[in-house]
């Protein structure tokens, strides 16, 4: 099937393209260090525009196009870009048409999670480099497809786990990997935030003017419109996101794995929790969750309590790395080391690094550097896939009330049929999960 011919014959409601290799487009020459990189943004409402704003702060970068299913958001962001760069971008309601714009070198994917896979893989097929927000996708199966696409089309794909580019995090990882805590035996991670409890329940409503809700749903099941599961709260419904587990879990579990350079799935995953906070709030994802990941030589735990704002060590989110010689506690503001005592002497010096600094700008800068130099970014697709897999496993363990054991060879949970059914979503026609 010819991709351009298919697009011309299709409409938003009836047209979904299959991913077909076109290496002549994927292998076109990229900008040199002194040439302008032209970007497009797919999904403009929140984090997507935030990343674009950081991109436009970089030298020799221009935004040529914006795409969103909400005309109100699209027009507002177009004005923002005009003020920022003095040139108005082209506007699209269908991201596939944006990808056909040959002037665009790279795209930022800031859509809800259930759209990440299609937007990213189609962009790779169209010869664009990609910055895709975290979690990399809304399922393990989609993450696998995204890794294959990035490698097949030889694209520079940066996953939005921006802490990988943060100096505070890099210094902390360096300290631990140099043995500053002694052997690490356990990592505890947590995140407690009000927003993750969802919004108060309200009746279904007509689709707002200017919103293409069918396109917003995309590959997700057909559903009526409700503002409590749309802008700002879609993440709390399984068809579109995974709640706090995949939102903040994608950031904090990333650090837990990075500290010991983990590259593989856990040996097992078990979970407990449920929805206990407030029955008047509309959400499907768990407001209360505890997860245990068993690894060969240490354990990782995750906990969240949506609707609350406080957590261990006086931090609403963070990690505690428990080593034989000391414990490190860290969030985006600071990290501290609490040394163990042994017969009145300290095994490790107590120290702290404080001072919050934005990491998104450095992460975006790293992406552009790698586009120009054709090298691996700080958070490549394999890293994004692994972290997303850990986060999704936490949800799947509780959704199926089972202890999970991953079979790498079959890319499944063995004979656990209920868990296997949650590895890859069933796309709503005419959308098709990309195969490369």
Protein backbone atom coordinates (compact mmCIF):
# COMPACT_ATOMS: atom_id res chain seq x y z
CA UNK A 1 0.00 0.00 0.00
CA UNK A 2 1.38 3.40 -1.00
CA UNK A 3 1.27 5.67 2.04
CA UNK A 4 0.67 8.94 0.20
CA UNK A 5 -2.04 7.45 -2.02
CA UNK A 6 -3.75 5.99 1.04
CA UNK A 7 -3.68 9.33 2.85
CA UNK A 8 -5.17 11.14 -0.10
CA UNK A 9 -8.03 8.62 -0.28
CA UNK A 10 -8.78 8.61 3.44
CA UNK A 11 -10.50 10.86 5.97
CA UNK A 12 -10.00 11.29 9.70
CA UNK A 13 -12.83 8.92 10.45
CA UNK A 14 -12.11 6.24 7.90
CA UNK A 15 -8.40 6.44 7.11
CA UNK A 16 -5.65 4.68 9.05
CA UNK A 17 -2.42 3.88 7.33
CA UNK A 18 -0.34 0.75 7.67
CA UNK A 19 3.31 1.24 8.40
CA UNK A 20 5.19 0.57 5.17
CA UNK A 21 8.96 0.92 4.88
CA UNK A 22 10.15 3.81 2.70
CA UNK A 23 13.87 3.95 3.31
CA UNK A 24 14.43 6.68 0.74
CA UNK A 25 12.58 9.06 3.04
CA UNK A 26 14.00 7.65 6.28
CA UNK A 27 17.60 8.00 5.12
CA UNK A 28 17.52 11.60 3.90
CA UNK A 29 20.40 13.81 5.02
CA UNK A 30 20.08 15.48 8.42
CA UNK A 31 21.16 19.02 9.28
CA UNK A 32 24.78 19.77 10.05
CA UNK A 33 25.78 21.56 13.25
CA UNK A 34 25.31 24.96 11.60
CA UNK A 35 22.04 24.25 9.81
CA UNK A 36 18.56 24.92 11.07
CA UNK A 37 16.50 22.05 12.43
CA UNK A 38 12.81 22.39 11.61
CA UNK A 39 10.42 20.78 14.08
CA UNK A 40 6.73 20.01 14.29
CA UNK A 41 4.63 19.42 17.40
CA UNK A 42 1.95 16.73 17.68
CA UNK A 43 -0.21 17.33 20.76
CA UNK A 44 -0.01 20.95 21.91
CA UNK A 45 -1.97 21.24 25.14
CA UNK A 46 0.48 20.73 27.99
CA UNK A 47 3.85 19.03 28.13
CA UNK A 48 4.10 18.92 24.35
CA UNK A 49 4.14 22.71 24.12
CA UNK A 50 6.46 22.88 27.11
CA UNK A 51 9.01 20.77 25.24
CA UNK A 52 8.53 22.84 22.09
CA UNK A 53 9.16 25.99 24.11
CA UNK A 54 12.47 24.54 25.29
CA UNK A 55 13.25 23.55 21.70
CA UNK A 56 12.72 27.10 20.48
CA UNK A 57 15.21 28.33 23.08
CA UNK A 58 17.90 26.35 21.26
CA UNK A 59 19.91 27.95 18.45
CA UNK A 60 19.02 27.18 14.81
CA UNK A 61 15.63 25.64 15.62
CA UNK A 62 12.34 26.63 14.02
CA UNK A 63 8.79 25.36 14.51
CA UNK A 64 7.11 24.86 11.13
CA UNK A 65 3.92 23.08 12.19
CA UNK A 66 1.52 22.31 15.02
CA UNK A 67 -1.07 19.54 15.20
CA UNK A 68 -3.90 19.08 17.68
CA UNK A 69 -7.44 17.70 17.67
CA UNK A 70 -8.68 20.75 19.62
CA UNK A 71 -8.86 23.89 17.48
CA UNK A 72 -8.98 26.04 20.61
CA UNK A 73 -5.65 24.67 21.82
CA UNK A 74 -4.20 24.75 18.31
CA UNK A 75 -5.01 28.42 17.71
CA UNK A 76 -3.77 29.47 21.14
CA UNK A 77 -0.46 27.69 20.68
CA UNK A 78 -0.07 29.10 17.17
CA UNK A 79 -0.17 32.59 18.68
CA UNK A 80 2.37 31.53 21.31
CA UNK A 81 4.75 30.27 18.63
CA UNK A 82 4.26 33.43 16.57
CA UNK A 83 5.26 35.55 19.55
CA UNK A 84 8.20 33.28 20.32
CA UNK A 85 9.79 33.06 16.85
CA UNK A 86 8.07 35.79 14.83
CA UNK A 87 6.72 33.30 12.32
CA UNK A 88 3.41 31.47 12.45
CA UNK A 89 3.49 27.69 11.99
CA UNK A 90 1.23 25.66 9.72
CA UNK A 91 -1.72 24.11 11.54
CA UNK A 92 -3.01 20.55 11.20
CA UNK A 93 -5.81 18.49 12.69
CA UNK A 94 -4.36 15.22 11.34
CA UNK A 95 -0.80 14.43 12.37
CA UNK A 96 -0.28 12.27 9.29
CA UNK A 97 -0.53 15.34 7.08
CA UNK A 98 2.03 17.11 9.26
CA UNK A 99 4.38 14.17 8.71
CA UNK A 100 4.02 14.57 4.96
CA UNK A 101 5.58 18.04 5.27
CA UNK A 102 9.07 17.41 3.87
CA UNK A 103 10.43 20.61 5.40
CA UNK A 104 10.13 19.10 8.88
CA UNK A 105 13.22 17.33 10.23
CA UNK A 106 11.96 16.25 13.65
CA UNK A 107 8.74 16.03 15.66
CA UNK A 108 7.77 16.27 19.31
CA UNK A 109 5.02 13.87 20.42
CA UNK A 110 3.09 15.35 23.36
CA UNK A 111 -0.19 13.49 22.90
CA UNK A 112 -1.97 11.36 25.51
CA UNK A 113 -0.15 8.07 26.06
CA UNK A 114 -2.45 5.96 23.87
CA UNK A 115 -1.33 7.94 20.81
CA UNK A 116 2.44 7.76 21.41
CA UNK A 117 3.00 4.55 19.46
CA UNK A 118 1.25 5.56 16.24
CA UNK A 119 2.62 9.11 16.16
CA UNK A 120 6.18 8.02 16.88
CA UNK A 121 6.32 5.04 14.50
CA UNK A 122 4.70 6.96 11.64
CA UNK A 123 7.19 9.79 12.23
CA UNK A 124 10.10 7.34 12.02
CA UNK A 125 8.68 5.90 8.81
CA UNK A 126 8.43 9.43 7.43
CA UNK A 127 12.13 10.04 8.09
CA UNK A 128 11.70 12.31 11.12
CA UNK A 129 13.64 12.16 14.36
CA UNK A 130 11.41 12.11 17.43
CA UNK A 131 11.11 13.38 20.98
CA UNK A 132 8.32 11.32 22.56
CA UNK A 133 6.95 12.02 26.01
CA UNK A 134 7.02 9.41 28.75
CA UNK A 135 5.83 6.79 29.41
CA UNK A 136 6.99 5.74 25.96
CA UNK A 137 3.63 4.06 25.29
CA UNK A 138 0.46 2.92 27.00
CA UNK A 139 1.37 -0.77 26.77
CA UNK A 140 4.36 -3.12 26.61
CA UNK A 141 3.42 -4.31 23.11
CA UNK A 142 3.36 -0.76 21.76
CA UNK A 143 6.78 -0.08 23.30
CA UNK A 144 8.16 -3.12 21.47
CA UNK A 145 6.81 -1.81 18.17
CA UNK A 146 8.37 1.59 18.82
CA UNK A 147 11.81 0.12 19.46
CA UNK A 148 11.62 -1.82 16.19
CA UNK A 149 10.57 1.28 14.26
CA UNK A 150 13.32 3.49 15.69
CA UNK A 151 15.99 0.93 14.84
CA UNK A 152 14.60 -0.06 11.44
CA UNK A 153 14.38 3.54 10.23
CA UNK A 154 17.60 4.62 11.99
CA UNK A 155 16.00 7.54 13.80
CA UNK A 156 17.24 9.55 16.77
CA UNK A 157 14.47 9.08 19.34
CA UNK A 158 14.67 10.76 22.73
CA UNK A 159 12.16 9.58 25.37
CA UNK A 160 11.04 12.34 27.75
CA UNK A 161 12.60 10.93 30.90
CA UNK A 162 14.45 14.21 31.31
CA UNK A 163 16.10 13.34 34.61
CA UNK A 164 18.64 11.40 32.51
CA UNK A 165 19.99 14.79 31.43
CA UNK A 166 19.83 16.45 34.87
CA UNK A 167 23.11 17.30 36.56
CA UNK A 168 21.73 16.56 40.03
CA UNK A 169 20.66 13.06 38.97
CA UNK A 170 23.85 12.37 37.03
CA UNK A 171 25.98 13.32 40.03
CA UNK A 172 23.90 11.13 42.36
CA UNK A 173 24.15 8.16 40.00
CA UNK A 174 27.89 8.68 39.69
CA UNK A 175 28.25 8.73 43.48
CA UNK A 176 26.31 5.48 43.87
CA UNK A 177 28.00 3.68 41.00
CA UNK A 178 31.37 4.63 42.49
CA UNK A 179 30.37 2.75 45.63
CA UNK A 180 29.38 5.70 47.81
CA UNK A 181 26.59 3.73 49.49
CA UNK A 182 28.29 0.36 49.44
CA UNK A 183 26.35 -2.49 47.82
CA UNK A 184 22.74 -1.37 47.23
CA UNK A 185 20.26 -3.94 48.50
CA UNK A 186 16.95 -2.09 48.21
CA UNK A 187 15.40 0.94 46.50
CA UNK A 188 12.15 2.48 47.67
CA UNK A 189 10.32 4.91 45.34
CA UNK A 190 7.09 6.80 45.89
CA UNK A 191 4.86 9.61 44.58
CA UNK A 192 1.80 11.17 46.24
CA UNK A 193 -0.14 13.85 44.36
CA UNK A 194 -3.67 15.25 44.52
CA UNK A 195 -4.22 15.31 40.77
CA UNK A 196 -3.94 11.53 40.45
CA UNK A 197 -7.22 10.98 42.30
CA UNK A 198 -9.06 12.22 39.20
CA UNK A 199 -11.83 14.79 39.02
CA UNK A 200 -15.31 14.82 40.56
CA UNK A 201 -17.82 12.76 38.59
CA UNK A 202 -20.01 14.67 36.13
CA UNK A 203 -22.52 13.49 33.50
CA UNK A 204 -21.48 12.88 29.90
CA UNK A 205 -21.70 15.98 27.73
CA UNK A 206 -21.71 16.96 24.05
CA UNK A 207 -18.30 17.18 22.46
CA UNK A 208 -17.02 20.78 22.79
CA UNK A 209 -16.94 22.93 19.67
CA UNK A 210 -13.67 22.64 17.78
CA UNK A 211 -12.77 19.22 19.21
CA UNK A 212 -12.40 16.20 16.91
CA UNK A 213 -13.19 13.65 19.61
CA UNK A 214 -13.15 10.68 17.26
CA UNK A 215 -9.58 11.52 16.33
CA UNK A 216 -8.72 12.06 20.00
CA UNK A 217 -9.95 8.53 20.77
CA UNK A 218 -8.00 7.17 17.82
CA UNK A 219 -7.12 3.52 18.44
CA UNK A 220 -8.88 3.49 21.83
CA UNK A 221 -12.42 2.06 22.16
CA UNK A 222 -15.41 4.15 21.17
CA UNK A 223 -16.72 6.12 24.14
CA UNK A 224 -18.95 9.07 24.95
CA UNK A 225 -17.41 12.41 25.83
CA UNK A 226 -16.90 13.36 29.46
CA UNK A 227 -14.76 16.30 30.59
CA UNK A 228 -13.52 14.36 33.63
CA UNK A 229 -11.59 12.02 31.34
CA UNK A 230 -10.39 14.53 28.75
CA UNK A 231 -7.85 17.38 29.01
CA UNK A 232 -5.89 17.17 32.22
CA UNK A 233 -7.40 13.93 33.53
CA UNK A 234 -7.27 11.36 30.71
CA UNK A 235 -4.30 9.70 32.39
CA UNK A 236 -6.55 8.14 35.05
CA UNK A 237 -8.33 5.84 32.56
CA UNK A 238 -6.81 2.61 31.29
CA UNK A 239 -7.52 3.21 27.60
CA UNK A 240 -5.41 6.37 27.63
CA UNK A 241 -2.91 6.12 30.52
CA UNK A 242 -1.80 4.26 33.62
CA UNK A 243 -2.25 6.75 36.46
CA UNK A 244 0.58 7.68 38.81
CA UNK A 245 2.23 4.31 38.19
CA UNK A 246 3.16 5.17 34.61
CA UNK A 247 3.28 8.96 35.04
CA UNK A 248 5.72 9.46 37.92
CA UNK A 249 6.76 5.81 37.91
CA UNK A 250 8.37 6.35 34.52
CA UNK A 251 10.61 9.00 36.10
CA UNK A 252 11.46 7.41 39.43
CA UNK A 253 11.74 3.77 38.41
CA UNK A 254 14.11 4.99 35.71
CA UNK A 255 16.49 6.21 38.42
CA UNK A 256 16.09 3.00 40.42
CA UNK A 257 17.17 0.97 37.35
CA UNK A 258 19.86 3.42 36.24
CA UNK A 259 21.70 3.23 39.58
CA UNK A 260 22.60 -0.42 38.94
CA UNK A 261 22.51 -0.20 35.14
CA UNK A 262 19.68 -2.72 34.84
CA UNK A 263 18.88 -3.78 31.27
CA UNK A 264 16.44 -6.65 31.84
CA UNK A 265 12.95 -7.32 33.17
CA UNK A 266 12.49 -8.09 36.88
CA UNK A 267 12.45 -11.68 38.07
CA UNK A 268 8.94 -11.18 39.43
CA UNK A 269 6.40 -8.46 40.17
CA UNK A 270 3.66 -8.44 42.81
CA UNK A 271 1.29 -5.68 43.88
CA UNK A 272 -1.43 -4.69 46.32
CA UNK A 273 -3.80 -1.75 46.54
CA UNK A 274 -7.03 -0.51 45.00
CA UNK A 275 -9.31 2.52 44.80
CA UNK A 276 -9.91 3.62 48.37
CA UNK A 277 -9.65 7.42 48.39
CA UNK A 278 -12.93 8.98 47.26
CA UNK A 279 -15.75 7.19 45.35
CA UNK A 280 -17.04 10.56 44.12
CA UNK A 281 -13.97 11.03 41.95
CA UNK A 282 -13.95 9.70 38.39
CA UNK A 283 -11.00 7.46 37.57
CA UNK A 284 -10.14 3.84 36.74
CA UNK A 285 -6.45 3.66 37.62
CA UNK A 286 -5.51 2.82 41.20
CA UNK A 287 -5.38 5.63 43.73
CA UNK A 288 -3.52 3.38 46.18
CA UNK A 289 -0.76 1.05 44.99
CA UNK A 290 2.25 -0.81 46.37
CA UNK A 291 4.50 -2.81 44.02
CA UNK A 292 7.45 -5.10 44.71
CA UNK A 293 9.99 -5.83 41.96
CA UNK A 294 12.37 -8.72 42.63
CA UNK A 295 15.75 -8.44 40.91
CA UNK A 296 18.74 -10.80 41.16
CA UNK A 297 20.62 -8.84 43.82
CA UNK A 298 18.21 -6.19 45.13
CA UNK A 299 14.57 -5.19 45.31
CA UNK A 300 12.67 -2.12 44.11
CA UNK A 301 9.44 -1.01 45.72
CA UNK A 302 6.97 1.55 44.43
CA UNK A 303 4.17 3.21 46.39
CA UNK A 304 1.66 5.91 45.63
CA UNK A 305 -1.31 7.40 47.43
CA UNK A 306 -3.26 9.63 45.05
CA UNK A 307 -5.12 12.47 46.74
CA UNK A 308 -2.29 13.10 49.21
CA UNK A 309 0.67 15.46 48.97
CA UNK A 310 3.07 14.15 51.61
CA UNK A 311 5.41 11.18 51.68
CA UNK A 312 8.50 9.63 53.31
CA UNK A 313 11.36 11.90 54.41
CA UNK A 314 9.02 14.89 54.06
CA UNK A 315 8.98 14.57 50.27
CA UNK A 316 5.84 14.08 48.18
CA UNK A 317 7.91 12.02 45.72
CA UNK A 318 11.38 10.57 45.63
CA UNK A 319 13.63 7.56 46.08
CA UNK A 320 15.57 6.05 48.95
CA UNK A 321 18.58 3.91 47.97
CA UNK A 322 19.47 1.62 50.87
CA UNK A 323 23.08 0.47 50.77
CA UNK A 324 25.18 -1.43 53.27
CA UNK A 325 27.15 1.71 54.15
CA UNK A 326 24.59 4.49 53.73
CA UNK A 327 21.18 5.50 52.44
CA UNK A 328 20.61 8.15 49.78
CA UNK A 329 17.31 10.05 49.61
CA UNK A 330 16.70 12.06 46.44
CA UNK A 331 14.12 14.11 44.59
CA UNK A 332 14.43 16.89 42.01
CA UNK A 333 15.35 19.42 44.69
CA UNK A 334 18.19 17.66 46.47
CA UNK A 335 19.88 14.47 47.53
CA UNK A 336 21.23 13.54 50.92
CA UNK A 337 23.31 10.67 52.23
CA UNK A 338 22.69 9.23 55.69
CA UNK A 339 25.66 7.12 56.71
CA UNK A 340 25.37 3.96 58.77
CA UNK A 341 27.37 3.93 62.03
CA UNK A 342 29.70 1.14 63.02
CA UNK A 343 31.11 1.17 66.56
CA UNK A 344 30.98 4.93 66.73
CA UNK A 345 32.55 5.59 63.34
CA UNK A 346 30.88 6.46 60.04
CA UNK A 347 31.30 4.19 57.04
CA UNK A 348 30.50 6.95 54.55
CA UNK A 349 30.54 10.74 54.81
CA UNK A 350 27.19 12.49 55.08
CA UNK A 351 26.72 14.90 52.22
CA UNK A 352 24.02 16.69 50.29
CA UNK A 353 23.53 18.40 46.96
CA UNK A 354 20.78 20.98 46.85
CA UNK A 355 19.40 23.39 44.31
CA UNK A 356 16.61 22.56 41.91
CA UNK A 357 17.44 23.06 38.24
CA UNK A 358 15.31 22.40 35.18
CA UNK A 359 16.27 19.23 33.28
CA UNK A 360 13.92 19.53 30.29
CA UNK A 361 16.09 22.15 28.57
CA UNK A 362 19.19 19.96 28.84
CA UNK A 363 17.26 16.92 27.62
CA UNK A 364 16.00 18.81 24.56
CA UNK A 365 19.47 20.20 23.92
CA UNK A 366 20.87 16.66 24.05
CA UNK A 367 18.26 15.55 21.50
CA UNK A 368 19.28 18.24 19.01
CA UNK A 369 22.97 17.51 19.53
CA UNK A 370 22.31 13.85 18.76
CA UNK A 371 20.22 14.71 15.69
CA UNK A 372 23.13 16.68 14.28
CA UNK A 373 25.78 14.13 15.24
CA UNK A 374 23.63 11.02 14.56
CA UNK A 375 24.37 9.46 17.94
CA UNK A 376 22.39 7.94 20.80
CA UNK A 377 20.54 10.40 23.09
CA UNK A 378 20.54 10.25 26.88
CA UNK A 379 17.27 8.29 26.95
CA UNK A 380 17.05 6.03 23.88
CA UNK A 381 14.08 3.83 23.04
CA UNK A 382 15.44 0.75 24.80
CA UNK A 383 15.62 2.69 28.06
CA UNK A 384 12.14 4.13 27.56
CA UNK A 385 10.78 0.69 26.76
CA UNK A 386 12.33 -0.97 29.83
CA UNK A 387 11.07 1.66 32.27
CA UNK A 388 7.58 1.68 30.75
CA UNK A 389 7.53 -2.12 30.99
CA UNK A 390 8.31 -2.00 34.73
CA UNK A 391 5.59 0.60 35.28
CA UNK A 392 2.97 -1.31 33.27
CA UNK A 393 3.86 -4.51 35.10
CA UNK A 394 3.02 -2.82 38.39
CA UNK A 395 -0.48 -2.01 37.14
CA UNK A 396 -0.96 -5.40 35.47
CA UNK A 397 -0.01 -7.28 38.65
CA UNK A 398 -2.82 -5.63 40.59
CA UNK A 399 -5.32 -5.61 37.72
CA UNK A 400 -4.95 -9.39 37.44
CA UNK A 401 -4.34 -10.01 41.16
CA UNK A 402 -1.34 -12.17 40.30
CA UNK A 403 2.40 -12.46 40.73
CA UNK A 404 3.98 -11.81 37.35
CA UNK A 405 6.96 -13.62 35.86
CA UNK A 406 8.14 -12.33 32.48
CA UNK A 407 9.29 -14.71 29.74
CA UNK A 408 11.69 -12.72 27.57
CA UNK A 409 11.75 -15.30 24.80
CA UNK A 410 7.99 -15.28 24.23
CA UNK A 411 7.57 -11.66 25.34
CA UNK A 412 4.72 -12.76 27.61
CA UNK A 413 3.78 -13.67 31.16
CA UNK A 414 3.89 -17.38 30.35
CA UNK A 415 0.59 -19.14 31.09
CA UNK A 416 -0.98 -16.11 32.80
CA UNK A 417 -3.75 -15.45 30.27
CA UNK A 418 -5.24 -12.51 32.12
CA UNK A 419 -1.90 -10.68 32.25
CA UNK A 420 -1.03 -11.57 28.66
CA UNK A 421 -4.29 -9.97 27.53
CA UNK A 422 -3.00 -6.63 28.85
CA UNK A 423 0.35 -6.67 27.02
CA UNK A 424 -0.96 -5.22 23.74
CA UNK A 425 -4.20 -3.26 23.22
CA UNK A 426 -6.79 -4.14 20.59
CA UNK A 427 -6.86 -1.12 18.31
CA UNK A 428 -10.19 0.28 17.20
CA UNK A 429 -10.65 0.05 13.46
CA UNK A 430 -9.44 1.39 11.13
CA UNK A 431 -6.27 1.96 13.19
CA UNK A 432 -3.70 -0.84 13.13
CA UNK A 433 -0.79 -1.51 15.47
CA UNK A 434 2.37 -0.85 13.40
CA UNK A 435 4.48 -3.82 12.41
CA UNK A 436 8.06 -3.37 11.21
